[in-house]
Amino acid sequence: MSELENDLEKMERSLRLWFQTVKRPQHWASVTTQTGVNIDRPAAIILHTIMNSPQPGCRVQDLASELGIEAPSVTRKTQELEEAGYIERSRSQTDRRAVALKITAKGKAAHDKLWKAQRQGMYHVLEQWEPAERHKFINLLERFSIDVSDYYKHQ
């Protein structure tokens, strides 16, 4: 096995461990208990995506495409978020036939609480690292993520 193949296996194991750790049901239960925001992880991801959208309103189809899931799944979750008062629907400014999803003040507050609690573990770990190590890691992770994204966009 080549050095690159060994490195790739080590990276895959590391990423798998990280994803499994942060996706544990107990972890999300802890986040929602800490914050008092009672939504499931898929709804929180949709809320986060809407919150960080470069446009003032997201369409369901755009969310589905960005998240790599089917539009009916996004529709169900956005309906739950709307019923809870976290988002609202309005007509798109660019396409009057389309519906734009916008975050409400309640949704922004919930998002901010969830992501602050979600990030606590990573904050704790990274604050133990030397700043130079932390910056190097984050810059390399960003480069890796962009390069992988670019590679798969052109496949």
C-alpha atoms as a PDB file:
ATOM      1  CA  MET A   1       0.000   0.000   0.000  1.00  0.00           C
ATOM      2  CA  SER A   2       1.356   3.423  -0.943  1.00  0.00           C
ATOM      3  CA  GLU A   3       1.962   6.261   1.495  1.00  0.00           C
ATOM      4  CA  LEU A   4      -0.958   8.188  -0.024  1.00  0.00           C
ATOM      5  CA  GLU A   5      -3.285   5.182   0.395  1.00  0.00           C
ATOM      6  CA  ASN A   6      -2.208   4.844   4.044  1.00  0.00           C
ATOM      7  CA  ASP A   7      -2.815   8.567   4.603  1.00  0.00           C
ATOM      8  CA  LEU A   8      -6.210   8.328   2.930  1.00  0.00           C
ATOM      9  CA  GLU A   9      -7.258   5.421   5.166  1.00  0.00           C
ATOM     10  CA  LYS A  10      -6.110   7.286   8.272  1.00  0.00           C
ATOM     11  CA  MET A  11      -8.031  10.394   7.169  1.00  0.00           C
ATOM     12  CA  GLU A  12     -11.172   8.355   6.419  1.00  0.00           C
ATOM     13  CA  ARG A  13     -11.011   6.721   9.871  1.00  0.00           C
ATOM     14  CA  SER A  14     -10.562  10.116  11.491  1.00  0.00           C
ATOM     15  CA  LEU A  15     -13.444  11.737   9.597  1.00  0.00           C
ATOM     16  CA  ARG A  16     -15.688   8.744  10.287  1.00  0.00           C
ATOM     17  CA  LEU A  17     -14.916   8.972  14.031  1.00  0.00           C
ATOM     18  CA  TRP A  18     -15.634  12.709  14.039  1.00  0.00           C
ATOM     19  CA  PHE A  19     -18.928  12.344  12.126  1.00  0.00           C
ATOM     20  CA  GLN A  20     -20.061   9.417  14.268  1.00  0.00           C
ATOM     21  CA  THR A  21     -19.254  11.381  17.406  1.00  0.00           C
ATOM     22  CA  VAL A  22     -21.142  14.550  16.494  1.00  0.00           C
ATOM     23  CA  LYS A  23     -24.073  12.637  14.987  1.00  0.00           C
ATOM     24  CA  ARG A  24     -24.733  10.478  18.048  1.00  0.00           C
ATOM     25  CA  PRO A  25     -28.354  10.788  19.152  1.00  0.00           C
ATOM     26  CA  GLN A  26     -27.152  11.434  22.711  1.00  0.00           C
ATOM     27  CA  HIS A  27     -25.154  14.417  21.491  1.00  0.00           C
ATOM     28  CA  TRP A  28     -28.153  16.005  19.775  1.00  0.00           C
ATOM     29  CA  ALA A  29     -30.342  15.252  22.803  1.00  0.00           C
ATOM     30  CA  SER A  30     -27.799  17.074  24.957  1.00  0.00           C
ATOM     31  CA  VAL A  31     -27.808  20.069  22.578  1.00  0.00           C
ATOM     32  CA  THR A  32     -31.593  20.350  22.584  1.00  0.00           C
ATOM     33  CA  THR A  33     -31.781  19.895  26.352  1.00  0.00           C
ATOM     34  CA  GLN A  34     -29.171  22.629  26.927  1.00  0.00           C
ATOM     35  CA  THR A  35     -30.906  25.060  24.621  1.00  0.00           C
ATOM     36  CA  GLY A  36     -34.564  24.256  25.197  1.00  0.00           C
ATOM     37  CA  VAL A  37     -35.001  24.177  21.405  1.00  0.00           C
ATOM     38  CA  ASN A  38     -36.875  20.985  20.615  1.00  0.00           C
ATOM     39  CA  ILE A  39     -36.275  20.255  16.937  1.00  0.00           C
ATOM     40  CA  ASP A  40     -34.609  17.276  15.340  1.00  0.00           C
ATOM     41  CA  ARG A  41     -31.225  17.412  13.649  1.00  0.00           C
ATOM     42  CA  PRO A  42     -32.556  17.458  10.027  1.00  0.00           C
ATOM     43  CA  ALA A  43     -34.785  20.446  10.834  1.00  0.00           C
ATOM     44  CA  ALA A  44     -31.849  22.176  12.532  1.00  0.00           C
ATOM     45  CA  ILE A  45     -29.684  21.629   9.443  1.00  0.00           C
ATOM     46  CA  ILE A  46     -32.384  23.169   7.263  1.00  0.00           C
ATOM     47  CA  LEU A  47     -32.701  26.086   9.682  1.00  0.00           C
ATOM     48  CA  HIS A  48     -28.915  26.533   9.566  1.00  0.00           C
ATOM     49  CA  THR A  49     -28.887  26.434   5.767  1.00  0.00           C
ATOM     50  CA  ILE A  50     -31.638  29.055   5.502  1.00  0.00           C
ATOM     51  CA  MET A  51     -29.885  31.186   8.116  1.00  0.00           C
ATOM     52  CA  ASN A  52     -26.633  31.128   6.131  1.00  0.00           C
ATOM     53  CA  SER A  53     -28.120  31.518   2.674  1.00  0.00           C
ATOM     54  CA  PRO A  54     -26.494  34.283   0.634  1.00  0.00           C
ATOM     55  CA  GLN A  55     -29.952  35.290  -0.670  1.00  0.00           C
ATOM     56  CA  PRO A  56     -32.660  36.782   1.549  1.00  0.00           C
ATOM     57  CA  GLY A  57     -35.021  33.846   0.875  1.00  0.00           C
ATOM     58  CA  CYS A  58     -34.428  30.185   0.023  1.00  0.00           C
ATOM     59  CA  ARG A  59     -36.613  28.023  -2.157  1.00  0.00           C
ATOM     60  CA  VAL A  60     -37.356  24.429  -1.169  1.00  0.00           C
ATOM     61  CA  GLN A  61     -35.772  23.140  -4.373  1.00  0.00           C
ATOM     62  CA  ASP A  62     -32.589  25.118  -3.693  1.00  0.00           C
ATOM     63  CA  LEU A  63     -32.413  23.720  -0.149  1.00  0.00           C
ATOM     64  CA  ALA A  64     -32.946  20.179  -1.413  1.00  0.00           C
ATOM     65  CA  SER A  65     -30.221  20.608  -4.003  1.00  0.00           C
ATOM     66  CA  GLU A  66     -27.759  22.114  -1.545  1.00  0.00           C
ATOM     67  CA  LEU A  67     -28.405  19.432   1.076  1.00  0.00           C
ATOM     68  CA  GLY A  68     -28.497  16.572  -1.429  1.00  0.00           C
ATOM     69  CA  ILE A  69     -31.941  15.325  -0.350  1.00  0.00           C
ATOM     70  CA  GLU A  70     -35.335  15.058  -2.009  1.00  0.00           C
ATOM     71  CA  ALA A  71     -37.606  18.118  -2.125  1.00  0.00           C
ATOM     72  CA  PRO A  72     -40.547  16.331  -0.384  1.00  0.00           C
ATOM     73  CA  SER A  73     -38.330  15.686   2.654  1.00  0.00           C
ATOM     74  CA  VAL A  74     -37.348  19.357   2.756  1.00  0.00           C
ATOM     75  CA  THR A  75     -40.990  20.383   2.343  1.00  0.00           C
ATOM     76  CA  ARG A  76     -42.054  18.314   5.375  1.00  0.00           C
ATOM     77  CA  LYS A  77     -39.271  19.727   7.547  1.00  0.00           C
ATOM     78  CA  THR A  78     -39.897  23.312   6.450  1.00  0.00           C
ATOM     79  CA  GLN A  79     -43.590  22.871   7.271  1.00  0.00           C
ATOM     80  CA  GLU A  80     -42.593  21.754  10.784  1.00  0.00           C
ATOM     81  CA  LEU A  81     -40.278  24.755  11.118  1.00  0.00           C
ATOM     82  CA  GLU A  82     -42.993  27.103   9.899  1.00  0.00           C
ATOM     83  CA  GLU A  83     -45.582  25.652  12.312  1.00  0.00           C
ATOM     84  CA  ALA A  84     -43.085  26.153  15.156  1.00  0.00           C
ATOM     85  CA  GLY A  85     -42.590  29.795  14.109  1.00  0.00           C
ATOM     86  CA  TYR A  86     -38.929  29.417  13.094  1.00  0.00           C
ATOM     87  CA  ILE A  87     -39.413  30.289   9.416  1.00  0.00           C
ATOM     88  CA  GLU A  88     -42.014  31.979   7.265  1.00  0.00           C
ATOM     89  CA  ARG A  89     -42.999  31.638   3.640  1.00  0.00           C
ATOM     90  CA  SER A  90     -43.374  34.480   1.168  1.00  0.00           C
ATOM     91  CA  ARG A  91     -43.422  34.906  -2.586  1.00  0.00           C
ATOM     92  CA  SER A  92     -39.968  34.963  -4.144  1.00  0.00           C
ATOM     93  CA  GLN A  93     -38.863  38.388  -5.366  1.00  0.00           C
ATOM     94  CA  THR A  94     -37.234  36.867  -8.452  1.00  0.00           C
ATOM     95  CA  ASP A  95     -39.891  34.264  -9.365  1.00  0.00           C
ATOM     96  CA  ARG A  96     -43.427  35.127  -8.279  1.00  0.00           C
ATOM     97  CA  ARG A  97     -44.475  31.470  -8.704  1.00  0.00           C
ATOM     98  CA  ALA A  98     -41.879  30.294  -6.196  1.00  0.00           C
ATOM     99  CA  VAL A  99     -42.078  30.422  -2.426  1.00  0.00           C
ATOM    100  CA  ALA A 100     -39.157  31.867  -0.483  1.00  0.00           C
ATOM    101  CA  LEU A 101     -38.353  30.628   3.031  1.00  0.00           C
ATOM    102  CA  LYS A 102     -37.120  33.235   5.477  1.00  0.00           C
ATOM    103  CA  ILE A 103     -35.958  32.845   9.026  1.00  0.00           C
ATOM    104  CA  THR A 104     -37.969  34.607  11.743  1.00  0.00           C
ATOM    105  CA  ALA A 105     -36.580  36.297  14.850  1.00  0.00           C
ATOM    106  CA  LYS A 106     -37.595  33.192  16.814  1.00  0.00           C
ATOM    107  CA  GLY A 107     -35.796  31.043  14.248  1.00  0.00           C
ATOM    108  CA  LYS A 108     -32.632  33.134  14.470  1.00  0.00           C
ATOM    109  CA  ALA A 109     -32.641  32.904  18.265  1.00  0.00           C
ATOM    110  CA  ALA A 110     -33.164  29.121  18.121  1.00  0.00           C
ATOM    111  CA  HIS A 111     -30.436  28.739  15.496  1.00  0.00           C
ATOM    112  CA  ASP A 112     -27.953  30.758  17.524  1.00  0.00           C
ATOM    113  CA  LYS A 113     -28.640  28.732  20.700  1.00  0.00           C
ATOM    114  CA  LEU A 114     -28.360  25.404  18.864  1.00  0.00           C
ATOM    115  CA  TRP A 115     -25.130  26.238  17.083  1.00  0.00           C
ATOM    116  CA  LYS A 116     -23.509  27.675  20.171  1.00  0.00           C
ATOM    117  CA  ALA A 117     -24.272  24.468  22.088  1.00  0.00           C
ATOM    118  CA  GLN A 118     -23.308  22.315  19.098  1.00  0.00           C
ATOM    119  CA  ARG A 119     -19.904  23.980  18.851  1.00  0.00           C
ATOM    120  CA  GLN A 120     -19.006  23.806  22.558  1.00  0.00           C
ATOM    121  CA  GLY A 121     -17.114  20.529  22.257  1.00  0.00           C
ATOM    122  CA  MET A 122     -15.088  21.665  19.274  1.00  0.00           C
ATOM    123  CA  TYR A 123     -14.387  24.988  20.973  1.00  0.00           C
ATOM    124  CA  HIS A 124     -13.140  23.171  24.067  1.00  0.00           C
ATOM    125  CA  VAL A 125     -10.827  20.947  22.021  1.00  0.00           C
ATOM    126  CA  LEU A 126      -9.478  23.690  19.766  1.00  0.00           C
ATOM    127  CA  GLU A 127      -8.797  26.102  22.612  1.00  0.00           C
ATOM    128  CA  GLN A 128      -6.309  23.529  23.948  1.00  0.00           C
ATOM    129  CA  TRP A 129      -4.274  23.693  20.737  1.00  0.00           C
ATOM    130  CA  GLU A 130      -1.552  26.188  20.004  1.00  0.00           C
ATOM    131  CA  PRO A 131      -2.915  28.966  17.775  1.00  0.00           C
ATOM    132  CA  ALA A 132      -0.469  28.107  14.972  1.00  0.00           C
ATOM    133  CA  GLU A 133      -1.598  24.445  15.008  1.00  0.00           C
ATOM    134  CA  ARG A 134      -5.237  25.469  15.054  1.00  0.00           C
ATOM    135  CA  HIS A 135      -4.815  27.899  12.144  1.00  0.00           C
ATOM    136  CA  LYS A 136      -2.867  25.375  10.086  1.00  0.00           C
ATOM    137  CA  PHE A 137      -5.455  22.643  10.702  1.00  0.00           C
ATOM    138  CA  ILE A 138      -8.390  24.899   9.851  1.00  0.00           C
ATOM    139  CA  ASN A 139      -6.733  26.280   6.726  1.00  0.00           C
ATOM    140  CA  LEU A 140      -5.856  22.790   5.483  1.00  0.00           C
ATOM    141  CA  LEU A 141      -9.352  21.506   6.265  1.00  0.00           C
ATOM    142  CA  GLU A 142     -10.845  24.419   4.355  1.00  0.00           C
ATOM    143  CA  ARG A 143      -8.529  23.784   1.394  1.00  0.00           C
ATOM    144  CA  PHE A 144      -9.348  20.070   1.434  1.00  0.00           C
ATOM    145  CA  SER A 145     -13.106  20.732   1.567  1.00  0.00           C
ATOM    146  CA  ILE A 146     -12.982  23.207  -1.313  1.00  0.00           C
ATOM    147  CA  ASP A 147     -10.790  20.931  -3.435  1.00  0.00           C
ATOM    148  CA  VAL A 148     -13.057  17.920  -2.875  1.00  0.00           C
ATOM    149  CA  SER A 149     -16.154  20.008  -3.626  1.00  0.00           C
ATOM    150  CA  ASP A 150     -14.591  21.356  -6.818  1.00  0.00           C
ATOM    151  CA  TYR A 151     -13.535  17.863  -7.895  1.00  0.00           C
ATOM    152  CA  TYR A 152     -17.042  16.431  -7.503  1.00  0.00           C
ATOM    153  CA  LYS A 153     -18.705  19.432  -9.180  1.00  0.00           C
ATOM    154  CA  HIS A 154     -16.847  18.514 -12.342  1.00  0.00           C
ATOM    155  CA  GLN A 155     -17.620  14.803 -12.317  1.00  0.00           C
END
